[in-house]
Amino acid sequence: MPEGNAVQWASANVPVEPTTQEAILDKKIVDIAFHPTMCRGHNFDSNPGDDGLYLVVTPVNEAGQVINQLGSLTVIVEEDGLETKDGTSNESHARIAGWEITKEELQESLNPIGSAQGFHLSLPWKEASPKGQIVTVYLKYELDDGHVFVNQRNIQMRKPSQGQSVWSPR
């Protein structure tokens, strides 16, 4: 602790990495990726259970860097392998929902900086909702030059009977 009111400044050489888009040299998109931790079922109302999806998707280059180039995005959600009444698994696929998202809508959803870069999409169910706890989300990202990128991911859903897990201090 310094004596009196004297302030002692610490010194350190901290390298600062450029974090802007200008630091990205390879602007060629090679994939449309799901954010590793931010894609999930989402509760849009105060009732228990998920009413839709919250997705963060990013066009990325070969190095995995986010490339904020706008295109059109199609999101399809299917549920498969549902259990039938007799307890056996059904191998058919059931489409739950679909969204066509324009470049203008993607521009509005873009978070261009930080660890949550990408298009942040809140997608409530329109008509049907999943019966099971896992859905498969399919993405199709199309650029103006005709390049198309696809990806898919399974997402865990909370049913109304599960409620919301909430931590509270004792």
N, C-alpha and C. Protein backbone atom coordinates (compact mmCIF):
# COMPACT_ATOMS: atom_id res chain seq x y z
N MET A 1 0.85 -1.18 0.00
CA MET A 1 0.00 0.00 0.00
C MET A 1 0.89 1.23 0.00
N PRO A 2 0.66 2.16 -0.91
CA PRO A 2 1.47 3.36 -0.95
C PRO A 2 1.24 4.21 0.31
N GLU A 3 2.29 4.89 0.72
CA GLU A 3 2.18 5.77 1.88
C GLU A 3 1.50 7.06 1.50
N GLY A 4 0.67 7.58 2.38
CA GLY A 4 -0.01 8.84 2.12
C GLY A 4 -0.99 8.71 0.98
N ASN A 5 -1.10 9.79 0.22
CA ASN A 5 -2.02 9.80 -0.91
C ASN A 5 -1.31 9.55 -2.23
N ALA A 6 -0.08 9.09 -2.19
CA ALA A 6 0.68 8.88 -3.42
C ALA A 6 0.10 7.72 -4.21
N VAL A 7 0.00 7.91 -5.49
CA VAL A 7 -0.48 6.85 -6.38
C VAL A 7 0.72 6.28 -7.11
N GLN A 8 0.85 4.99 -7.12
CA GLN A 8 1.93 4.34 -7.85
C GLN A 8 1.33 3.66 -9.06
N TRP A 9 1.81 4.02 -10.22
CA TRP A 9 1.29 3.44 -11.46
C TRP A 9 2.02 2.15 -11.77
N ALA A 10 1.28 1.17 -12.13
CA ALA A 10 1.87 -0.11 -12.55
C ALA A 10 2.16 0.00 -14.04
N SER A 11 3.17 -0.70 -14.46
CA SER A 11 3.46 -0.69 -15.89
C SER A 11 3.48 -2.13 -16.39
N ALA A 12 3.00 -2.30 -17.56
CA ALA A 12 2.99 -3.63 -18.17
C ALA A 12 2.90 -3.45 -19.68
N ASN A 13 3.57 -4.31 -20.38
CA ASN A 13 3.45 -4.34 -21.83
C ASN A 13 2.39 -5.36 -22.18
N VAL A 14 1.21 -4.89 -22.54
CA VAL A 14 0.12 -5.77 -22.90
C VAL A 14 -0.12 -5.61 -24.39
N PRO A 15 0.17 -6.66 -25.16
CA PRO A 15 -0.06 -6.54 -26.60
C PRO A 15 -1.56 -6.46 -26.88
N VAL A 16 -1.93 -5.54 -27.73
CA VAL A 16 -3.33 -5.37 -28.09
C VAL A 16 -3.50 -5.90 -29.51
N GLU A 17 -4.34 -6.92 -29.65
CA GLU A 17 -4.60 -7.51 -30.96
C GLU A 17 -5.70 -6.71 -31.64
N PRO A 18 -5.56 -6.46 -32.92
CA PRO A 18 -6.65 -5.77 -33.61
C PRO A 18 -7.90 -6.64 -33.61
N THR A 19 -9.06 -6.04 -33.32
CA THR A 19 -10.30 -6.81 -33.26
C THR A 19 -11.30 -6.36 -34.31
N THR A 20 -10.91 -5.52 -35.21
CA THR A 20 -11.85 -5.03 -36.21
C THR A 20 -11.85 -5.94 -37.42
N GLN A 21 -12.82 -5.74 -38.28
CA GLN A 21 -12.92 -6.51 -39.51
C GLN A 21 -11.68 -6.30 -40.38
N GLU A 22 -10.99 -5.15 -40.24
CA GLU A 22 -9.82 -4.88 -41.07
C GLU A 22 -8.70 -5.88 -40.81
N ALA A 23 -8.69 -6.50 -39.61
CA ALA A 23 -7.65 -7.45 -39.29
C ALA A 23 -7.85 -8.78 -40.01
N ILE A 24 -9.01 -8.99 -40.57
CA ILE A 24 -9.30 -10.24 -41.28
C ILE A 24 -8.89 -10.08 -42.73
N LEU A 25 -7.92 -10.88 -43.13
CA LEU A 25 -7.42 -10.80 -44.50
C LEU A 25 -8.20 -11.70 -45.45
N ASP A 26 -8.64 -12.87 -44.95
CA ASP A 26 -9.37 -13.83 -45.78
C ASP A 26 -10.86 -13.57 -45.63
N LYS A 27 -11.47 -12.96 -46.63
CA LYS A 27 -12.90 -12.60 -46.58
C LYS A 27 -13.78 -13.63 -47.28
N LYS A 28 -13.20 -14.79 -47.62
CA LYS A 28 -13.97 -15.81 -48.33
C LYS A 28 -14.72 -16.69 -47.33
N ILE A 29 -16.04 -16.66 -47.43
CA ILE A 29 -16.87 -17.49 -46.55
C ILE A 29 -16.78 -18.95 -46.99
N VAL A 30 -16.58 -19.84 -46.01
CA VAL A 30 -16.53 -21.27 -46.31
C VAL A 30 -17.60 -22.06 -45.56
N ASP A 31 -18.30 -21.41 -44.60
CA ASP A 31 -19.29 -22.14 -43.82
C ASP A 31 -20.24 -21.16 -43.15
N ILE A 32 -21.44 -21.63 -42.83
CA ILE A 32 -22.36 -20.90 -41.96
C ILE A 32 -22.38 -21.70 -40.66
N ALA A 33 -21.95 -21.07 -39.57
CA ALA A 33 -21.73 -21.80 -38.32
C ALA A 33 -22.72 -21.37 -37.25
N PHE A 34 -23.01 -22.30 -36.35
CA PHE A 34 -23.80 -22.01 -35.15
C PHE A 34 -22.84 -21.54 -34.07
N HIS A 35 -23.21 -20.52 -33.29
CA HIS A 35 -22.40 -20.13 -32.14
C HIS A 35 -22.36 -21.33 -31.20
N PRO A 36 -21.19 -21.68 -30.65
CA PRO A 36 -21.07 -22.92 -29.88
C PRO A 36 -21.89 -22.97 -28.60
N THR A 37 -22.24 -21.83 -28.00
CA THR A 37 -22.96 -21.87 -26.73
C THR A 37 -24.27 -21.08 -26.71
N MET A 38 -24.55 -20.29 -27.70
CA MET A 38 -25.70 -19.40 -27.63
C MET A 38 -26.95 -19.88 -28.36
N CYS A 39 -26.90 -21.03 -29.01
CA CYS A 39 -28.06 -21.55 -29.73
C CYS A 39 -28.83 -22.47 -28.78
N ARG A 40 -30.13 -22.18 -28.60
CA ARG A 40 -30.90 -22.92 -27.62
C ARG A 40 -32.39 -22.73 -27.87
N GLY A 41 -33.18 -23.52 -27.14
CA GLY A 41 -34.60 -23.26 -27.08
C GLY A 41 -34.80 -21.97 -26.30
N HIS A 42 -35.90 -21.27 -26.58
CA HIS A 42 -36.11 -19.98 -25.93
C HIS A 42 -37.56 -19.84 -25.47
N ASN A 43 -37.73 -19.31 -24.28
CA ASN A 43 -39.06 -19.05 -23.72
C ASN A 43 -39.41 -17.59 -23.97
N PHE A 44 -40.43 -17.36 -24.79
CA PHE A 44 -40.83 -16.00 -25.15
C PHE A 44 -41.93 -15.45 -24.25
N ASP A 45 -42.54 -16.29 -23.42
CA ASP A 45 -43.60 -15.81 -22.53
C ASP A 45 -43.30 -16.24 -21.10
N SER A 46 -44.22 -16.01 -20.21
CA SER A 46 -43.98 -16.34 -18.80
C SER A 46 -44.38 -17.77 -18.45
N ASN A 47 -44.94 -18.51 -19.40
CA ASN A 47 -45.31 -19.90 -19.15
C ASN A 47 -44.10 -20.80 -19.27
N PRO A 48 -44.05 -21.90 -18.50
CA PRO A 48 -42.91 -22.82 -18.59
C PRO A 48 -42.79 -23.45 -19.98
N GLY A 49 -41.58 -23.80 -20.36
CA GLY A 49 -41.31 -24.45 -21.63
C GLY A 49 -40.86 -23.47 -22.70
N ASP A 50 -40.18 -24.00 -23.70
CA ASP A 50 -39.67 -23.18 -24.80
C ASP A 50 -40.74 -22.96 -25.85
N ASP A 51 -40.84 -21.72 -26.33
CA ASP A 51 -41.82 -21.33 -27.35
C ASP A 51 -41.18 -21.12 -28.71
N GLY A 52 -39.90 -21.41 -28.83
CA GLY A 52 -39.19 -21.19 -30.07
C GLY A 52 -37.71 -21.36 -29.88
N LEU A 53 -36.94 -20.74 -30.75
CA LEU A 53 -35.48 -20.86 -30.74
C LEU A 53 -34.82 -19.50 -30.63
N TYR A 54 -33.64 -19.51 -30.06
CA TYR A 54 -32.74 -18.36 -30.11
C TYR A 54 -31.47 -18.88 -30.76
N LEU A 55 -31.14 -18.34 -31.93
CA LEU A 55 -29.97 -18.79 -32.68
C LEU A 55 -29.01 -17.63 -32.88
N VAL A 56 -27.72 -17.93 -32.81
CA VAL A 56 -26.68 -17.01 -33.23
C VAL A 56 -25.88 -17.76 -34.28
N VAL A 57 -25.96 -17.27 -35.52
CA VAL A 57 -25.28 -17.94 -36.63
C VAL A 57 -24.30 -16.96 -37.27
N THR A 58 -23.20 -17.53 -37.78
CA THR A 58 -22.14 -16.68 -38.32
C THR A 58 -21.57 -17.26 -39.60
N PRO A 59 -21.44 -16.45 -40.65
CA PRO A 59 -20.65 -16.86 -41.80
C PRO A 59 -19.17 -16.76 -41.40
N VAL A 60 -18.40 -17.80 -41.66
CA VAL A 60 -17.00 -17.82 -41.25
C VAL A 60 -16.08 -18.17 -42.41
N ASN A 61 -14.80 -17.73 -42.28
CA ASN A 61 -13.78 -18.08 -43.27
C ASN A 61 -13.07 -19.37 -42.85
N GLU A 62 -12.04 -19.75 -43.58
CA GLU A 62 -11.30 -20.99 -43.32
C GLU A 62 -10.71 -21.02 -41.91
N ALA A 63 -10.32 -19.86 -41.37
CA ALA A 63 -9.72 -19.79 -40.04
C ALA A 63 -10.76 -19.72 -38.93
N GLY A 64 -12.07 -19.72 -39.30
CA GLY A 64 -13.12 -19.64 -38.30
C GLY A 64 -13.45 -18.22 -37.88
N GLN A 65 -12.91 -17.24 -38.58
CA GLN A 65 -13.19 -15.84 -38.26
C GLN A 65 -14.54 -15.44 -38.86
N VAL A 66 -15.28 -14.63 -38.14
CA VAL A 66 -16.60 -14.20 -38.60
C VAL A 66 -16.45 -13.19 -39.73
N ILE A 67 -17.17 -13.45 -40.81
CA ILE A 67 -17.19 -12.56 -41.97
C ILE A 67 -18.60 -11.99 -42.04
N ASN A 68 -18.74 -10.70 -41.79
CA ASN A 68 -20.06 -10.06 -41.74
C ASN A 68 -20.54 -9.69 -43.14
N GLN A 69 -20.74 -10.69 -43.97
CA GLN A 69 -21.25 -10.47 -45.31
C GLN A 69 -22.71 -10.93 -45.33
N LEU A 70 -23.58 -10.08 -45.78
CA LEU A 70 -25.00 -10.38 -45.77
C LEU A 70 -25.41 -11.28 -46.92
N GLY A 71 -26.36 -12.13 -46.64
CA GLY A 71 -26.98 -13.01 -47.61
C GLY A 71 -28.40 -13.25 -47.16
N SER A 72 -29.05 -14.22 -47.76
CA SER A 72 -30.39 -14.59 -47.29
C SER A 72 -30.25 -15.92 -46.54
N LEU A 73 -31.06 -16.08 -45.51
CA LEU A 73 -30.96 -17.25 -44.64
C LEU A 73 -32.30 -17.96 -44.57
N THR A 74 -32.26 -19.26 -44.76
CA THR A 74 -33.44 -20.10 -44.56
C THR A 74 -33.16 -20.98 -43.36
N VAL A 75 -34.11 -21.01 -42.42
CA VAL A 75 -34.00 -21.84 -41.23
C VAL A 75 -35.18 -22.81 -41.25
N ILE A 76 -34.87 -24.10 -41.19
CA ILE A 76 -35.90 -25.15 -41.14
C ILE A 76 -35.68 -25.94 -39.86
N VAL A 77 -36.75 -26.23 -39.15
CA VAL A 77 -36.67 -27.02 -37.92
C VAL A 77 -37.49 -28.29 -38.12
N GLU A 78 -36.85 -29.43 -37.87
CA GLU A 78 -37.52 -30.72 -37.95
C GLU A 78 -37.32 -31.49 -36.66
N GLU A 79 -38.25 -32.39 -36.46
CA GLU A 79 -38.16 -33.29 -35.32
C GLU A 79 -38.24 -34.69 -35.89
N ASP A 80 -37.35 -35.56 -35.46
CA ASP A 80 -37.39 -36.92 -35.97
C ASP A 80 -37.20 -37.94 -34.85
N GLY A 81 -37.49 -39.18 -35.19
CA GLY A 81 -37.33 -40.26 -34.22
C GLY A 81 -38.27 -40.14 -33.04
N LEU A 82 -39.48 -39.64 -33.26
CA LEU A 82 -40.44 -39.51 -32.17
C LEU A 82 -40.92 -40.87 -31.71
N GLU A 83 -41.22 -40.97 -30.44
CA GLU A 83 -41.75 -42.21 -29.89
C GLU A 83 -43.23 -42.29 -30.20
N THR A 84 -43.66 -43.48 -30.61
CA THR A 84 -45.08 -43.70 -30.87
C THR A 84 -45.76 -44.11 -29.58
N LYS A 85 -47.09 -44.26 -29.63
CA LYS A 85 -47.86 -44.61 -28.44
C LYS A 85 -47.44 -45.95 -27.84
N ASP A 86 -46.99 -46.87 -28.69
CA ASP A 86 -46.57 -48.19 -28.18
C ASP A 86 -45.11 -48.21 -27.71
N GLY A 87 -44.44 -47.03 -27.70
CA GLY A 87 -43.09 -46.93 -27.17
C GLY A 87 -41.99 -47.18 -28.18
N THR A 88 -42.32 -47.46 -29.43
CA THR A 88 -41.30 -47.66 -30.45
C THR A 88 -40.93 -46.33 -31.08
N SER A 89 -39.78 -46.30 -31.73
CA SER A 89 -39.29 -45.07 -32.34
C SER A 89 -39.80 -44.97 -33.77
N ASN A 90 -40.23 -43.79 -34.15
CA ASN A 90 -40.69 -43.50 -35.49
C ASN A 90 -39.55 -42.80 -36.22
N GLU A 91 -39.14 -43.31 -37.36
CA GLU A 91 -37.98 -42.75 -38.08
C GLU A 91 -38.34 -41.61 -39.03
N SER A 92 -39.61 -41.22 -39.08
CA SER A 92 -39.99 -40.16 -40.00
C SER A 92 -39.58 -38.79 -39.46
N HIS A 93 -39.52 -37.83 -40.36
CA HIS A 93 -39.16 -36.46 -40.00
C HIS A 93 -40.42 -35.61 -40.06
N ALA A 94 -40.61 -34.77 -39.07
CA ALA A 94 -41.75 -33.86 -39.06
C ALA A 94 -41.22 -32.43 -39.04
N ARG A 95 -41.63 -31.63 -40.02
CA ARG A 95 -41.22 -30.23 -40.05
C ARG A 95 -42.03 -29.46 -39.02
N ILE A 96 -41.33 -28.75 -38.15
CA ILE A 96 -41.96 -27.97 -37.09
C ILE A 96 -42.18 -26.53 -37.54
N ALA A 97 -41.16 -25.95 -38.16
CA ALA A 97 -41.24 -24.54 -38.54
C ALA A 97 -40.22 -24.22 -39.62
N GLY A 98 -40.40 -23.08 -40.25
CA GLY A 98 -39.46 -22.59 -41.24
C GLY A 98 -39.53 -21.08 -41.32
N TRP A 99 -38.39 -20.48 -41.56
CA TRP A 99 -38.31 -19.01 -41.68
C TRP A 99 -37.43 -18.66 -42.87
N GLU A 100 -37.85 -17.66 -43.64
CA GLU A 100 -37.04 -17.06 -44.70
C GLU A 100 -36.62 -15.69 -44.19
N ILE A 101 -35.33 -15.48 -44.00
CA ILE A 101 -34.83 -14.24 -43.42
C ILE A 101 -34.06 -13.48 -44.49
N THR A 102 -34.50 -12.26 -44.76
CA THR A 102 -33.90 -11.46 -45.82
C THR A 102 -32.59 -10.82 -45.36
N LYS A 103 -31.85 -10.28 -46.31
CA LYS A 103 -30.61 -9.56 -45.98
C LYS A 103 -30.89 -8.37 -45.07
N GLU A 104 -31.99 -7.68 -45.30
CA GLU A 104 -32.33 -6.53 -44.48
C GLU A 104 -32.61 -6.96 -43.03
N GLU A 105 -33.33 -8.06 -42.87
CA GLU A 105 -33.61 -8.58 -41.52
C GLU A 105 -32.33 -9.05 -40.84
N LEU A 106 -31.43 -9.67 -41.61
CA LEU A 106 -30.15 -10.09 -41.04
C LEU A 106 -29.32 -8.89 -40.61
N GLN A 107 -29.35 -7.83 -41.39
CA GLN A 107 -28.61 -6.62 -41.04
C GLN A 107 -29.06 -6.10 -39.68
N GLU A 108 -30.37 -6.12 -39.43
CA GLU A 108 -30.92 -5.65 -38.16
C GLU A 108 -30.51 -6.54 -36.99
N SER A 109 -30.27 -7.83 -37.25
CA SER A 109 -29.95 -8.78 -36.18
C SER A 109 -28.45 -8.94 -35.96
N LEU A 110 -27.63 -8.22 -36.72
CA LEU A 110 -26.18 -8.39 -36.68
C LEU A 110 -25.56 -7.76 -35.43
N ASN A 111 -24.77 -8.56 -34.72
CA ASN A 111 -23.91 -8.06 -33.64
C ASN A 111 -22.48 -8.22 -34.17
N PRO A 112 -21.84 -7.14 -34.65
CA PRO A 112 -20.58 -7.27 -35.38
C PRO A 112 -19.32 -7.40 -34.53
N ILE A 113 -19.39 -7.21 -33.20
CA ILE A 113 -18.17 -7.24 -32.40
C ILE A 113 -18.35 -8.13 -31.17
N GLY A 114 -17.23 -8.46 -30.55
CA GLY A 114 -17.26 -9.21 -29.29
C GLY A 114 -17.29 -10.71 -29.49
N SER A 115 -17.50 -11.41 -28.40
CA SER A 115 -17.48 -12.88 -28.44
C SER A 115 -18.80 -13.45 -28.94
N ALA A 116 -19.81 -12.63 -29.09
CA ALA A 116 -21.11 -13.10 -29.57
C ALA A 116 -21.41 -12.53 -30.96
N GLN A 117 -20.37 -12.44 -31.80
CA GLN A 117 -20.56 -11.94 -33.16
C GLN A 117 -21.49 -12.84 -33.92
N GLY A 118 -22.25 -12.24 -34.81
CA GLY A 118 -23.11 -13.02 -35.69
C GLY A 118 -24.50 -12.44 -35.76
N PHE A 119 -25.38 -13.20 -36.39
CA PHE A 119 -26.78 -12.82 -36.54
C PHE A 119 -27.55 -13.43 -35.38
N HIS A 120 -28.14 -12.58 -34.54
CA HIS A 120 -28.90 -13.01 -33.37
C HIS A 120 -30.37 -13.09 -33.76
N LEU A 121 -30.92 -14.30 -33.78
CA LEU A 121 -32.27 -14.52 -34.27
C LEU A 121 -33.18 -15.08 -33.19
N SER A 122 -34.27 -14.39 -32.91
CA SER A 122 -35.31 -14.89 -32.02
C SER A 122 -36.43 -15.42 -32.90
N LEU A 123 -36.68 -16.72 -32.83
CA LEU A 123 -37.61 -17.37 -33.74
C LEU A 123 -38.70 -18.11 -32.96
N PRO A 124 -39.84 -17.46 -32.70
CA PRO A 124 -40.93 -18.16 -32.00
C PRO A 124 -41.63 -19.14 -32.93
N TRP A 125 -42.15 -20.22 -32.35
CA TRP A 125 -42.93 -21.18 -33.14
C TRP A 125 -44.13 -20.44 -33.71
N LYS A 126 -44.46 -20.74 -34.96
CA LYS A 126 -45.59 -20.09 -35.61
C LYS A 126 -46.89 -20.86 -35.35
N GLU A 127 -46.87 -22.15 -35.64
CA GLU A 127 -48.07 -22.96 -35.50
C GLU A 127 -47.79 -24.17 -34.61
N ALA A 128 -47.00 -25.08 -35.12
CA ALA A 128 -46.71 -26.31 -34.37
C ALA A 128 -45.51 -26.09 -33.46
N SER A 129 -45.44 -26.89 -32.42
CA SER A 129 -44.27 -26.89 -31.54
C SER A 129 -43.80 -28.34 -31.42
N PRO A 130 -42.54 -28.54 -31.07
CA PRO A 130 -42.04 -29.92 -31.01
C PRO A 130 -42.72 -30.73 -29.91
N LYS A 131 -42.86 -32.01 -30.19
CA LYS A 131 -43.43 -32.92 -29.20
C LYS A 131 -42.36 -33.53 -28.31
N GLY A 132 -41.16 -33.66 -28.85
CA GLY A 132 -40.04 -34.22 -28.10
C GLY A 132 -39.15 -33.15 -27.52
N GLN A 133 -37.96 -33.56 -27.09
CA GLN A 133 -37.05 -32.62 -26.45
C GLN A 133 -35.87 -32.23 -27.33
N ILE A 134 -35.76 -32.79 -28.52
CA ILE A 134 -34.65 -32.44 -29.41
C ILE A 134 -35.20 -32.12 -30.79
N VAL A 135 -34.74 -31.00 -31.35
CA VAL A 135 -35.09 -30.64 -32.72
C VAL A 135 -33.80 -30.54 -33.52
N THR A 136 -33.91 -30.70 -34.82
CA THR A 136 -32.78 -30.50 -35.72
C THR A 136 -33.03 -29.22 -36.50
N VAL A 137 -32.06 -28.31 -36.43
CA VAL A 137 -32.16 -27.02 -37.11
C VAL A 137 -31.26 -27.08 -38.34
N TYR A 138 -31.82 -26.77 -39.49
CA TYR A 138 -31.09 -26.75 -40.76
C TYR A 138 -30.97 -25.30 -41.21
N LEU A 139 -29.77 -24.91 -41.62
CA LEU A 139 -29.52 -23.57 -42.14
C LEU A 139 -29.12 -23.64 -43.60
N LYS A 140 -29.60 -22.69 -44.38
CA LYS A 140 -29.15 -22.51 -45.77
C LYS A 140 -28.88 -21.02 -45.93
N TYR A 141 -27.62 -20.68 -46.19
CA TYR A 141 -27.20 -19.29 -46.31
C TYR A 141 -26.78 -19.06 -47.75
N GLU A 142 -27.44 -18.12 -48.43
CA GLU A 142 -27.16 -17.88 -49.85
C GLU A 142 -26.70 -16.45 -50.07
N LEU A 143 -25.55 -16.33 -50.74
CA LEU A 143 -24.98 -15.02 -51.06
C LEU A 143 -25.50 -14.55 -52.41
N ASP A 144 -25.36 -13.26 -52.68
CA ASP A 144 -25.82 -12.70 -53.96
C ASP A 144 -25.11 -13.31 -55.15
N ASP A 145 -23.86 -13.77 -54.96
CA ASP A 145 -23.10 -14.36 -56.09
C ASP A 145 -23.48 -15.81 -56.36
N GLY A 146 -24.48 -16.35 -55.62
CA GLY A 146 -24.94 -17.71 -55.86
C GLY A 146 -24.34 -18.77 -54.96
N HIS A 147 -23.31 -18.45 -54.18
CA HIS A 147 -22.73 -19.43 -53.26
C HIS A 147 -23.74 -19.76 -52.17
N VAL A 148 -23.85 -21.06 -51.86
CA VAL A 148 -24.80 -21.54 -50.86
C VAL A 148 -24.03 -22.35 -49.82
N PHE A 149 -24.33 -22.11 -48.55
CA PHE A 149 -23.70 -22.83 -47.44
C PHE A 149 -24.81 -23.42 -46.58
N VAL A 150 -24.62 -24.66 -46.15
CA VAL A 150 -25.63 -25.33 -45.33
C VAL A 150 -24.97 -25.89 -44.08
N ASN A 151 -25.78 -26.03 -43.04
CA ASN A 151 -25.31 -26.62 -41.79
C ASN A 151 -26.53 -27.11 -41.03
N GLN A 152 -26.29 -27.95 -40.04
CA GLN A 152 -27.38 -28.43 -39.20
C GLN A 152 -26.87 -28.67 -37.79
N ARG A 153 -27.80 -28.62 -36.83
CA ARG A 153 -27.43 -28.84 -35.44
C ARG A 153 -28.66 -29.29 -34.66
N ASN A 154 -28.47 -30.22 -33.74
CA ASN A 154 -29.53 -30.61 -32.83
C ASN A 154 -29.55 -29.65 -31.66
N ILE A 155 -30.76 -29.28 -31.23
CA ILE A 155 -30.92 -28.36 -30.11
C ILE A 155 -31.91 -28.96 -29.11
N GLN A 156 -31.52 -28.92 -27.85
CA GLN A 156 -32.35 -29.42 -26.75
C GLN A 156 -33.44 -28.41 -26.43
N MET A 157 -34.65 -28.89 -26.25
CA MET A 157 -35.79 -28.05 -25.91
C MET A 157 -36.29 -28.39 -24.51
N ARG A 158 -36.85 -27.39 -23.81
CA ARG A 158 -37.50 -27.62 -22.52
C ARG A 158 -39.00 -27.70 -22.75
N LYS A 159 -39.62 -28.74 -22.24
CA LYS A 159 -41.06 -28.90 -22.34
C LYS A 159 -41.73 -28.15 -21.19
N PRO A 160 -43.01 -27.80 -21.32
CA PRO A 160 -43.70 -27.08 -20.24
C PRO A 160 -43.63 -27.81 -18.89
N SER A 161 -43.62 -29.12 -18.90
CA SER A 161 -43.57 -29.86 -17.64
C SER A 161 -42.20 -29.75 -16.96
N GLN A 162 -41.16 -29.36 -17.72
CA GLN A 162 -39.82 -29.23 -17.16
C GLN A 162 -39.64 -27.93 -16.40
N GLY A 163 -40.35 -26.90 -16.79
CA GLY A 163 -40.16 -25.60 -16.16
C GLY A 163 -38.81 -25.01 -16.46
N GLN A 164 -38.50 -23.97 -15.77
CA GLN A 164 -37.23 -23.26 -15.95
C GLN A 164 -36.37 -23.53 -14.73
N SER A 165 -35.12 -23.90 -14.94
CA SER A 165 -34.25 -24.07 -13.79
C SER A 165 -33.70 -22.71 -13.40
N VAL A 166 -33.90 -22.35 -12.15
CA VAL A 166 -33.50 -21.04 -11.68
C VAL A 166 -32.69 -21.23 -10.42
N TRP A 167 -31.55 -20.56 -10.34
CA TRP A 167 -30.73 -20.59 -9.16
C TRP A 167 -31.14 -19.44 -8.25
N SER A 168 -31.27 -19.72 -6.97
CA SER A 168 -31.52 -18.63 -6.02
C SER A 168 -30.68 -18.88 -4.77
N PRO A 169 -30.16 -17.80 -4.20
CA PRO A 169 -29.30 -17.95 -3.03
C PRO A 169 -30.12 -18.38 -1.81
N ARG A 170 -29.45 -19.02 -0.87
CA ARG A 170 -30.13 -19.45 0.37
C ARG A 170 -30.02 -18.40 1.42
